[in-house]
PDB file of all heavy atoms in Angstrom:
ATOM      1  N   TRP A   1     101.254  90.204  94.301  1.00  0.00           N
ATOM      2  CA  TRP A   1     100.545  88.925  94.183  1.00  0.00           C
ATOM      3  C   TRP A   1      99.035  89.133  94.244  1.00  0.00           C
ATOM      4  O   TRP A   1      98.283  88.555  93.444  1.00  0.00           O
ATOM      5  CB  TRP A   1     101.009  87.990  95.294  1.00  0.00           C
ATOM      6  CG  TRP A   1     100.242  86.694  95.370  1.00  0.00           C
ATOM      7  CD1 TRP A   1     100.025  85.804  94.363  1.00  0.00           C
ATOM      8  CD2 TRP A   1      99.596  86.154  96.529  1.00  0.00           C
ATOM      9  NE1 TRP A   1      99.286  84.724  94.814  1.00  0.00           N
ATOM     10  CE2 TRP A   1      99.018  84.910  96.143  1.00  0.00           C
ATOM     11  CE3 TRP A   1      99.474  86.578  97.850  1.00  0.00           C
ATOM     12  CZ2 TRP A   1      98.304  84.124  97.036  1.00  0.00           C
ATOM     13  CZ3 TRP A   1      98.776  85.782  98.750  1.00  0.00           C
ATOM     14  CH2 TRP A   1      98.192  84.570  98.342  1.00  0.00           C
ATOM     15  N   LEU A   2      98.598  89.971  95.165  1.00  0.00           N
ATOM     16  CA  LEU A   2      97.169  90.238  95.301  1.00  0.00           C
ATOM     17  C   LEU A   2      96.624  90.884  94.031  1.00  0.00           C
ATOM     18  O   LEU A   2      95.527  90.546  93.555  1.00  0.00           O
ATOM     19  CB  LEU A   2      96.927  91.136  96.523  1.00  0.00           C
ATOM     20  CG  LEU A   2      95.486  91.428  96.924  1.00  0.00           C
ATOM     21  CD1 LEU A   2      94.702  90.138  97.127  1.00  0.00           C
ATOM     22  CD2 LEU A   2      95.459  92.269  98.199  1.00  0.00           C
ATOM     23  N   LYS A   3      97.391  91.794  93.442  1.00  0.00           N
ATOM     24  CA  LYS A   3      96.985  92.437  92.187  1.00  0.00           C
ATOM     25  C   LYS A   3      96.871  91.406  91.066  1.00  0.00           C
ATOM     26  O   LYS A   3      95.911  91.421  90.280  1.00  0.00           O
ATOM     27  CB  LYS A   3      98.002  93.518  91.813  1.00  0.00           C
ATOM     28  CG  LYS A   3      97.666  94.265  90.536  1.00  0.00           C
ATOM     29  CD  LYS A   3      98.708  95.345  90.264  1.00  0.00           C
ATOM     30  CE  LYS A   3      98.394  96.118  88.989  1.00  0.00           C
ATOM     31  NZ  LYS A   3      99.413  97.178  88.728  1.00  0.00           N
ATOM     32  N   SER A   4      97.837  90.482  91.023  1.00  0.00           N
ATOM     33  CA  SER A   4      97.806  89.423  90.009  1.00  0.00           C
ATOM     34  C   SER A   4      96.570  88.546  90.166  1.00  0.00           C
ATOM     35  O   SER A   4      95.899  88.213  89.176  1.00  0.00           O
ATOM     36  CB  SER A   4      99.073  88.575  90.112  1.00  0.00           C
ATOM     37  OG  SER A   4      98.984  87.413  89.322  1.00  0.00           O
ATOM     38  N   MET A   5      96.251  88.171  91.390  1.00  0.00           N
ATOM     39  CA  MET A   5      95.057  87.342  91.612  1.00  0.00           C
ATOM     40  C   MET A   5      93.796  88.099  91.234  1.00  0.00           C
ATOM     41  O   MET A   5      92.873  87.518  90.641  1.00  0.00           O
ATOM     42  CB  MET A   5      94.991  86.891  93.082  1.00  0.00           C
ATOM     43  CG  MET A   5      95.990  85.821  93.453  1.00  0.00           C
ATOM     44  SD  MET A   5      95.562  84.997  95.008  1.00  0.00           S
ATOM     45  CE  MET A   5      95.740  86.361  96.168  1.00  0.00           C
ATOM     46  N   HIS A   6      93.746  89.382  91.580  1.00  0.00           N
ATOM     47  CA  HIS A   6      92.561  90.184  91.264  1.00  0.00           C
ATOM     48  C   HIS A   6      92.330  90.222  89.749  1.00  0.00           C
ATOM     49  O   HIS A   6      91.194  90.070  89.278  1.00  0.00           O
ATOM     50  CB  HIS A   6      92.739  91.598  91.815  1.00  0.00           C
ATOM     51  CG  HIS A   6      91.558  92.485  91.605  1.00  0.00           C
ATOM     52  ND1 HIS A   6      90.373  92.339  92.295  1.00  0.00           N
ATOM     53  CD2 HIS A   6      91.375  93.539  90.766  1.00  0.00           C
ATOM     54  CE1 HIS A   6      89.509  93.260  91.901  1.00  0.00           C
ATOM     55  NE2 HIS A   6      90.092  93.996  90.971  1.00  0.00           N
ATOM     56  N   LYS A   7      93.409  90.381  88.996  1.00  0.00           N
ATOM     57  CA  LYS A   7      93.296  90.408  87.535  1.00  0.00           C
ATOM     58  C   LYS A   7      92.821  89.070  86.979  1.00  0.00           C
ATOM     59  O   LYS A   7      92.144  89.018  85.943  1.00  0.00           O
ATOM     60  CB  LYS A   7      94.648  90.770  86.917  1.00  0.00           C
ATOM     61  CG  LYS A   7      95.028  92.232  87.070  1.00  0.00           C
ATOM     62  CD  LYS A   7      96.355  92.517  86.375  1.00  0.00           C
ATOM     63  CE  LYS A   7      96.698  93.993  86.422  1.00  0.00           C
ATOM     64  NZ  LYS A   7      98.002  94.281  85.761  1.00  0.00           N
ATOM     65  N   ARG A   8      93.192  87.979  87.659  1.00  0.00           N
ATOM     66  CA  ARG A   8      92.817  86.633  87.196  1.00  0.00           C
ATOM     67  C   ARG A   8      91.487  86.163  87.786  1.00  0.00           C
ATOM     68  O   ARG A   8      91.077  85.022  87.561  1.00  0.00           O
ATOM     69  CB  ARG A   8      93.925  85.646  87.563  1.00  0.00           C
ATOM     70  CG  ARG A   8      95.194  85.826  86.754  1.00  0.00           C
ATOM     71  CD  ARG A   8      96.287  84.852  87.162  1.00  0.00           C
ATOM     72  NE  ARG A   8      96.924  85.209  88.428  1.00  0.00           N
ATOM     73  CZ  ARG A   8      97.178  84.372  89.417  1.00  0.00           C
ATOM     74  NH1 ARG A   8      96.822  83.096  89.305  1.00  0.00           N
ATOM     75  NH2 ARG A   8      97.775  84.779  90.524  1.00  0.00           N
ATOM     76  N   GLY A   9      90.801  87.024  88.523  1.00  0.00           N
ATOM     77  CA  GLY A   9      89.507  86.681  89.087  1.00  0.00           C
ATOM     78  C   GLY A   9      89.571  85.724  90.259  1.00  0.00           C
ATOM     79  O   GLY A   9      88.594  85.027  90.560  1.00  0.00           O
ATOM     80  N   ILE A  10      90.717  85.671  90.947  1.00  0.00           N
ATOM     81  CA  ILE A  10      90.893  84.795  92.105  1.00  0.00           C
ATOM     82  C   ILE A  10      90.717  85.612  93.366  1.00  0.00           C
ATOM     83  O   ILE A  10      91.385  86.640  93.554  1.00  0.00           O
ATOM     84  CB  ILE A  10      92.286  84.125  92.101  1.00  0.00           C
ATOM     85  CG1 ILE A  10      92.465  83.293  90.829  1.00  0.00           C
ATOM     86  CG2 ILE A  10      92.479  83.278  93.349  1.00  0.00           C
ATOM     87  CD1 ILE A  10      93.883  82.762  90.662  1.00  0.00           C
ATOM     88  N   ASN A  11      89.828  85.165  94.247  1.00  0.00           N
ATOM     89  CA  ASN A  11      89.558  85.910  95.479  1.00  0.00           C
ATOM     90  C   ASN A  11      90.105  85.162  96.683  1.00  0.00           C
ATOM     91  O   ASN A  11      89.682  84.046  96.988  1.00  0.00           O
ATOM     92  CB  ASN A  11      88.046  86.127  95.643  1.00  0.00           C
ATOM     93  CG  ASN A  11      87.723  86.956  96.876  1.00  0.00           C
ATOM     94  OD1 ASN A  11      88.476  87.849  97.255  1.00  0.00           O
ATOM     95  ND2 ASN A  11      86.600  86.667  97.499  1.00  0.00           N
ATOM     96  N   LYS A  12      91.076  85.754  97.346  1.00  0.00           N
ATOM     97  CA  LYS A  12      91.638  85.228  98.582  1.00  0.00           C
ATOM     98  C   LYS A  12      91.647  86.343  99.635  1.00  0.00           C
ATOM     99  O   LYS A  12      91.809  87.514  99.300  1.00  0.00           O
ATOM    100  CB  LYS A  12      93.080  84.743  98.388  1.00  0.00           C
ATOM    101  CG  LYS A  12      93.274  83.689  97.309  1.00  0.00           C
ATOM    102  CD  LYS A  12      92.802  82.321  97.759  1.00  0.00           C
ATOM    103  CE  LYS A  12      93.131  81.266  96.706  1.00  0.00           C
ATOM    104  NZ  LYS A  12      92.562  79.940  97.059  1.00  0.00           N
ATOM    105  N   GLU A  13      91.473  85.945 100.889  1.00  0.00           N
ATOM    106  CA  GLU A  13      91.632  86.899 101.985  1.00  0.00           C
ATOM    107  C   GLU A  13      93.115  86.980 102.314  1.00  0.00           C
ATOM    108  O   GLU A  13      93.717  85.987 102.724  1.00  0.00           O
ATOM    109  CB  GLU A  13      90.849  86.448 103.215  1.00  0.00           C
ATOM    110  CG  GLU A  13      89.360  86.323 102.985  1.00  0.00           C
ATOM    111  CD  GLU A  13      88.649  85.706 104.177  1.00  0.00           C
ATOM    112  OE1 GLU A  13      89.133  85.892 105.322  1.00  0.00           O
ATOM    113  OE2 GLU A  13      87.642  85.019 103.974  1.00  0.00           O
ATOM    114  N   VAL A  14      93.703  88.140 102.127  1.00  0.00           N
ATOM    115  CA  VAL A  14      95.134  88.334 102.363  1.00  0.00           C
ATOM    116  C   VAL A  14      95.293  89.414 103.428  1.00  0.00           C
ATOM    117  O   VAL A  14      94.870  90.562 103.232  1.00  0.00           O
ATOM    118  CB  VAL A  14      95.868  88.735 101.070  1.00  0.00           C
ATOM    119  CG1 VAL A  14      97.355  88.953 101.342  1.00  0.00           C
ATOM    120  CG2 VAL A  14      95.668  87.669  99.989  1.00  0.00           C
ATOM    121  N   LEU A  15      95.891  89.033 104.530  1.00  0.00           N
ATOM    122  CA  LEU A  15      96.029  89.945 105.668  1.00  0.00           C
ATOM    123  C   LEU A  15      97.459  89.954 106.175  1.00  0.00           C
ATOM    124  O   LEU A  15      98.218  89.002 105.978  1.00  0.00           O
ATOM    125  CB  LEU A  15      95.096  89.539 106.814  1.00  0.00           C
ATOM    126  CG  LEU A  15      93.611  89.432 106.514  1.00  0.00           C
ATOM    127  CD1 LEU A  15      93.231  87.991 106.175  1.00  0.00           C
ATOM    128  CD2 LEU A  15      92.776  89.920 107.694  1.00  0.00           C
ATOM    129  N   SER A  16      97.821  91.054 106.844  1.00  0.00           N
ATOM    130  CA  SER A  16      99.072  91.084 107.593  1.00  0.00           C
ATOM    131  C   SER A  16      98.737  91.282 109.064  1.00  0.00           C
ATOM    132  O   SER A  16      97.697  91.844 109.416  1.00  0.00           O
ATOM    133  CB  SER A  16     100.005  92.197 107.098  1.00  0.00           C
ATOM    134  OG  SER A  16      99.547  93.468 107.518  1.00  0.00           O
ATOM    135  N   VAL A  17      99.639  90.815 109.918  1.00  0.00           N
ATOM    136  CA  VAL A  17      99.378  90.806 111.360  1.00  0.00           C
ATOM    137  C   VAL A  17     100.631  91.274 112.103  1.00  0.00           C
ATOM    138  O   VAL A  17     101.754  90.955 111.714  1.00  0.00           O
ATOM    139  CB  VAL A  17      98.988  89.383 111.836  1.00  0.00           C
ATOM    140  CG1 VAL A  17      98.483  89.415 113.282  1.00  0.00           C
ATOM    141  CG2 VAL A  17      97.934  88.769 110.930  1.00  0.00           C
ATOM    142  N   ASP A  18     100.415  92.033 113.165  1.00  0.00           N
ATOM    143  CA  ASP A  18     101.442  92.396 114.143  1.00  0.00           C
ATOM    144  C   ASP A  18     102.409  93.479 113.686  1.00  0.00           C
ATOM    145  O   ASP A  18     103.494  93.624 114.261  1.00  0.00           O
ATOM    146  CB  ASP A  18     102.228  91.162 114.613  1.00  0.00           C
ATOM    147  CG  ASP A  18     101.344  90.153 115.335  1.00  0.00           C
ATOM    148  OD1 ASP A  18     100.280  90.554 115.817  1.00  0.00           O
ATOM    149  OD2 ASP A  18     101.725  88.964 115.404  1.00  0.00           O
ATOM    150  N   ASN A  19     102.030  94.256 112.673  1.00  0.00           N
ATOM    151  CA  ASN A  19     102.784  95.474 112.371  1.00  0.00           C
ATOM    152  C   ASN A  19     101.836  96.463 111.708  1.00  0.00           C
ATOM    153  O   ASN A  19     101.593  96.394 110.498  1.00  0.00           O
ATOM    154  CB  ASN A  19     103.987  95.202 111.479  1.00  0.00           C
ATOM    155  CG  ASN A  19     104.962  96.373 111.489  1.00  0.00           C
ATOM    156  OD1 ASN A  19     104.575  97.518 111.707  1.00  0.00           O
ATOM    157  ND2 ASN A  19     106.234  96.091 111.268  1.00  0.00           N
ATOM    158  N   HIS A  20     101.312  97.380 112.510  1.00  0.00           N
ATOM    159  CA  HIS A  20     100.255  98.255 112.017  1.00  0.00           C
ATOM    160  C   HIS A  20     100.748  99.401 111.153  1.00  0.00           C
ATOM    161  O   HIS A  20      99.931 100.170 110.636  1.00  0.00           O
ATOM    162  CB  HIS A  20      99.422  98.766 113.192  1.00  0.00           C
ATOM    163  CG  HIS A  20      98.444  97.748 113.697  1.00  0.00           C
ATOM    164  ND1 HIS A  20      97.187  97.613 113.175  1.00  0.00           N
ATOM    165  CD2 HIS A  20      98.565  96.786 114.630  1.00  0.00           C
ATOM    166  CE1 HIS A  20      96.557  96.619 113.784  1.00  0.00           C
ATOM    167  NE2 HIS A  20      97.379  96.099 114.670  1.00  0.00           N
ATOM    168  N   CYS A  21     102.060  99.517 110.944  1.00  0.00           N
ATOM    169  CA  CYS A  21     102.490 100.519 109.973  1.00  0.00           C
ATOM    170  C   CYS A  21     102.288 100.012 108.544  1.00  0.00           C
ATOM    171  O   CYS A  21     102.448 100.767 107.585  1.00  0.00           O
ATOM    172  CB  CYS A  21     103.929 100.958 110.210  1.00  0.00           C
ATOM    173  SG  CYS A  21     105.190  99.746 109.864  1.00  0.00           S
ATOM    174  N   ASP A  22     101.880  98.743 108.384  1.00  0.00           N
ATOM    175  CA  ASP A  22     101.503  98.254 107.054  1.00  0.00           C
ATOM    176  C   ASP A  22     100.370  99.094 106.469  1.00  0.00           C
ATOM    177  O   ASP A  22     100.327  99.325 105.252  1.00  0.00           O
ATOM    178  CB  ASP A  22     101.051  96.794 107.125  1.00  0.00           C
ATOM    179  CG  ASP A  22     102.202  95.822 107.323  1.00  0.00           C
ATOM    180  OD1 ASP A  22     103.375  96.237 107.208  1.00  0.00           O
ATOM    181  OD2 ASP A  22     101.927  94.638 107.603  1.00  0.00           O
ATOM    182  N   GLY A  23      99.441  99.527 107.321  1.00  0.00           N
ATOM    183  CA  GLY A  23      98.309 100.320 106.840  1.00  0.00           C
ATOM    184  C   GLY A  23      98.747 101.647 106.237  1.00  0.00           C
ATOM    185  O   GLY A  23      98.434 101.941 105.065  1.00  0.00           O
ATOM    186  N   PRO A  24      99.464 102.497 106.987  1.00  0.00           N
ATOM    187  CA  PRO A  24      99.975 103.731 106.399  1.00  0.00           C
ATOM    188  C   PRO A  24     100.855 103.501 105.174  1.00  0.00           C
ATOM    189  O   PRO A  24     100.830 104.284 104.228  1.00  0.00           O
ATOM    190  CB  PRO A  24     100.775 104.355 107.551  1.00  0.00           C
ATOM    191  CG  PRO A  24     100.109 103.854 108.779  1.00  0.00           C
ATOM    192  CD  PRO A  24      99.670 102.458 108.441  1.00  0.00           C
ATOM    193  N   TYR A  25     101.625 102.403 105.188  1.00  0.00           N
ATOM    194  CA  TYR A  25     102.472 102.121 104.027  1.00  0.00           C
ATOM    195  C   TYR A  25     101.618 101.866 102.790  1.00  0.00           C
ATOM    196  O   TYR A  25     101.926 102.369 101.692  1.00  0.00           O
ATOM    197  CB  TYR A  25     103.371 100.924 104.306  1.00  0.00           C
ATOM    198  CG  TYR A  25     104.305 100.610 103.143  1.00  0.00           C
ATOM    199  CD1 TYR A  25     105.398 101.411 102.873  1.00  0.00           C
ATOM    200  CD2 TYR A  25     104.063  99.504 102.317  1.00  0.00           C
ATOM    201  CE1 TYR A  25     106.247 101.136 101.803  1.00  0.00           C
ATOM    202  CE2 TYR A  25     104.901  99.216 101.247  1.00  0.00           C
ATOM    203  CZ  TYR A  25     105.993 100.039 100.995  1.00  0.00           C
ATOM    204  OH  TYR A  25     106.819  99.769  99.937  1.00  0.00           O
ATOM    205  N   LEU A  26     100.527 101.108 102.925  1.00  0.00           N
ATOM    206  CA  LEU A  26      99.628 100.880 101.790  1.00  0.00           C
ATOM    207  C   LEU A  26      99.021 102.193 101.304  1.00  0.00           C
ATOM    208  O   LEU A  26      98.865 102.416 100.096  1.00  0.00           O
ATOM    209  CB  LEU A  26      98.520  99.902 102.172  1.00  0.00           C
ATOM    210  CG  LEU A  26      98.893  98.439 102.370  1.00  0.00           C
ATOM    211  CD1 LEU A  26      97.635  97.598 102.613  1.00  0.00           C
ATOM    212  CD2 LEU A  26      99.665  97.886 101.189  1.00  0.00           C
ATOM    213  N   TYR A  27      98.656 103.048 102.265  1.00  0.00           N
ATOM    214  CA  TYR A  27      98.099 104.355 101.906  1.00  0.00           C
ATOM    215  C   TYR A  27      99.110 105.167 101.095  1.00  0.00           C
ATOM    216  O   TYR A  27      98.789 105.696 100.021  1.00  0.00           O
ATOM    217  CB  TYR A  27      97.685 105.106 103.167  1.00  0.00           C
ATOM    218  CG  TYR A  27      97.512 106.595 102.975  1.00  0.00           C
ATOM    219  CD1 TYR A  27      96.433 107.111 102.268  1.00  0.00           C
ATOM    220  CD2 TYR A  27      98.446 107.493 103.493  1.00  0.00           C
ATOM    221  CE1 TYR A  27      96.280 108.485 102.080  1.00  0.00           C
ATOM    222  CE2 TYR A  27      98.307 108.855 103.323  1.00  0.00           C
ATOM    223  CZ  TYR A  27      97.229 109.354 102.611  1.00  0.00           C
ATOM    224  OH  TYR A  27      97.096 110.701 102.423  1.00  0.00           O
ATOM    225  N   LEU A  28     100.344 105.263 101.593  1.00  0.00           N
ATOM    226  CA  LEU A  28     101.366 106.057 100.917  1.00  0.00           C
ATOM    227  C   LEU A  28     101.729 105.456  99.561  1.00  0.00           C
ATOM    228  O   LEU A  28     101.945 106.185  98.579  1.00  0.00           O
ATOM    229  CB  LEU A  28     102.605 106.152 101.803  1.00  0.00           C
ATOM    230  CG  LEU A  28     102.441 106.944 103.104  1.00  0.00           C
ATOM    231  CD1 LEU A  28     103.643 106.735 104.013  1.00  0.00           C
ATOM    232  CD2 LEU A  28     102.223 108.422 102.823  1.00  0.00           C
ATOM    233  N   LYS A  29     101.789 104.156  99.493  1.00  0.00           N
ATOM    234  CA  LYS A  29     102.113 103.458  98.247  1.00  0.00           C
ATOM    235  C   LYS A  29     101.030 103.701  97.192  1.00  0.00           C
ATOM    236  O   LYS A  29     101.333 103.993  96.031  1.00  0.00           O
ATOM    237  CB  LYS A  29     102.252 101.968  98.535  1.00  0.00           C
ATOM    238  CG  LYS A  29     102.554 101.067  97.348  1.00  0.00           C
ATOM    239  CD  LYS A  29     102.630  99.607  97.818  1.00  0.00           C
ATOM    240  CE  LYS A  29     102.768  98.643  96.647  1.00  0.00           C
ATOM    241  NZ  LYS A  29     104.092  98.765  95.996  1.00  0.00           N
ATOM    242  N   THR A  30      99.765 103.606  97.605  1.00  0.00           N
ATOM    243  CA  THR A  30      98.650 103.773  96.677  1.00  0.00           C
ATOM    244  C   THR A  30      98.489 105.221  96.252  1.00  0.00           C
ATOM    245  O   THR A  30      98.108 105.516  95.107  1.00  0.00           O
ATOM    246  CB  THR A  30      97.348 103.268  97.322  1.00  0.00           C
ATOM    247  OG1 THR A  30      97.523 101.921  97.760  1.00  0.00           O
ATOM    248  CG2 THR A  30      96.183 103.331  96.348  1.00  0.00           C
ATOM    249  N   LYS A  31      98.802 106.140  97.151  1.00  0.00           N
ATOM    250  CA  LYS A  31      98.636 107.571  96.863  1.00  0.00           C
ATOM    251  C   LYS A  31      99.457 108.003  95.653  1.00  0.00           C
ATOM    252  O   LYS A  31      99.080 108.934  94.927  1.00  0.00           O
ATOM    253  CB  LYS A  31      99.028 108.379  98.092  1.00  0.00           C
ATOM    254  CG  LYS A  31      98.746 109.871  97.981  1.00  0.00           C
ATOM    255  CD  LYS A  31      99.161 110.589  99.261  1.00  0.00           C
ATOM    256  CE  LYS A  31      98.919 112.095  99.127  1.00  0.00           C
ATOM    257  NZ  LYS A  31      99.377 112.821 100.334  1.00  0.00           N
ATOM    258  N   LYS A  32     100.565 107.315  95.382  1.00  0.00           N
ATOM    259  CA  LYS A  32     101.437 107.681  94.265  1.00  0.00           C
ATOM    260  C   LYS A  32     100.762 107.456  92.919  1.00  0.00           C
ATOM    261  O   LYS A  32     101.062 108.147  91.940  1.00  0.00           O
ATOM    262  CB  LYS A  32     102.734 106.875  94.338  1.00  0.00           C
ATOM    263  CG  LYS A  32     103.578 107.165  95.564  1.00  0.00           C
ATOM    264  CD  LYS A  32     104.782 106.236  95.620  1.00  0.00           C
ATOM    265  CE  LYS A  32     105.601 106.453  96.870  1.00  0.00           C
ATOM    266  NZ  LYS A  32     106.752 105.506  96.966  1.00  0.00           N
ATOM    267  N   THR A  33      99.864 106.478  92.835  1.00  0.00           N
ATOM    268  CA  THR A  33      99.264 106.116  91.551  1.00  0.00           C
ATOM    269  C   THR A  33      97.745 106.319  91.506  1.00  0.00           C
ATOM    270  O   THR A  33      97.176 106.461  90.431  1.00  0.00           O
ATOM    271  CB  THR A  33      99.554 104.643  91.216  1.00  0.00           C
ATOM    272  OG1 THR A  33      99.073 103.816  92.274  1.00  0.00           O
ATOM    273  CG2 THR A  33     101.063 104.430  91.059  1.00  0.00           C
ATOM    274  N   ASP A  34      97.087 106.327  92.664  1.00  0.00           N
ATOM    275  CA  ASP A  34      95.628 106.413  92.694  1.00  0.00           C
ATOM    276  C   ASP A  34      95.182 107.161  93.949  1.00  0.00           C
ATOM    277  O   ASP A  34      94.782 106.548  94.949  1.00  0.00           O
ATOM    278  CB  ASP A  34      95.019 105.010  92.673  1.00  0.00           C
ATOM    279  CG  ASP A  34      93.518 105.015  92.395  1.00  0.00           C
ATOM    280  OD1 ASP A  34      92.877 106.055  92.612  1.00  0.00           O
ATOM    281  OD2 ASP A  34      92.984 103.960  91.982  1.00  0.00           O
ATOM    282  N   PRO A  35      95.239 108.495  93.933  1.00  0.00           N
ATOM    283  CA  PRO A  35      94.901 109.290  95.124  1.00  0.00           C
ATOM    284  C   PRO A  35      93.494 109.033  95.655  1.00  0.00           C
ATOM    285  O   PRO A  35      93.274 109.058  96.867  1.00  0.00           O
ATOM    286  CB  PRO A  35      95.056 110.739  94.643  1.00  0.00           C
ATOM    287  CG  PRO A  35      96.014 110.648  93.487  1.00  0.00           C
ATOM    288  CD  PRO A  35      95.712 109.340  92.827  1.00  0.00           C
ATOM    289  N   LYS A  36      92.540 108.760  94.758  1.00  0.00           N
ATOM    290  CA  LYS A  36      91.176 108.513  95.211  1.00  0.00           C
ATOM    291  C   LYS A  36      91.101 107.226  96.031  1.00  0.00           C
ATOM    292  O   LYS A  36      90.483 107.196  97.102  1.00  0.00           O
ATOM    293  CB  LYS A  36      90.220 108.423  94.022  1.00  0.00           C
ATOM    294  CG  LYS A  36      88.754 108.220  94.413  1.00  0.00           C
ATOM    295  CD  LYS A  36      87.855 108.173  93.184  1.00  0.00           C
ATOM    296  CE  LYS A  36      86.390 108.005  93.595  1.00  0.00           C
ATOM    297  NZ  LYS A  36      86.168 106.766  94.380  1.00  0.00           N
ATOM    298  N   LYS A  37      91.707 106.159  95.513  1.00  0.00           N
ATOM    299  CA  LYS A  37      91.714 104.908  96.270  1.00  0.00           C
ATOM    300  C   LYS A  37      92.469 105.089  97.586  1.00  0.00           C
ATOM    301  O   LYS A  37      92.086 104.526  98.613  1.00  0.00           O
ATOM    302  CB  LYS A  37      92.349 103.784  95.456  1.00  0.00           C
ATOM    303  CG  LYS A  37      92.384 102.446  96.203  1.00  0.00           C
ATOM    304  CD  LYS A  37      93.086 101.354  95.415  1.00  0.00           C
ATOM    305  CE  LYS A  37      92.217 100.849  94.301  1.00  0.00           C
ATOM    306  NZ  LYS A  37      92.818  99.645  93.640  1.00  0.00           N
ATOM    307  N   ALA A  38      93.525 105.884  97.563  1.00  0.00           N
ATOM    308  CA  ALA A  38      94.289 106.129  98.783  1.00  0.00           C
ATOM    309  C   ALA A  38      93.418 106.770  99.862  1.00  0.00           C
ATOM    310  O   ALA A  38      93.514 106.431 101.048  1.00  0.00           O
ATOM    311  CB  ALA A  38      95.503 107.007  98.484  1.00  0.00           C
TER     312      ALA A  38
END
């Protein structure tokens, strides 16, 4: 959803709360397609 909004020029603050393994998961997920961004 965030990717879709970014493509459409819509800026929203999107956060997750109370599970800090979300951060490593985003890192691992992004590393598969964009190591620099990861």
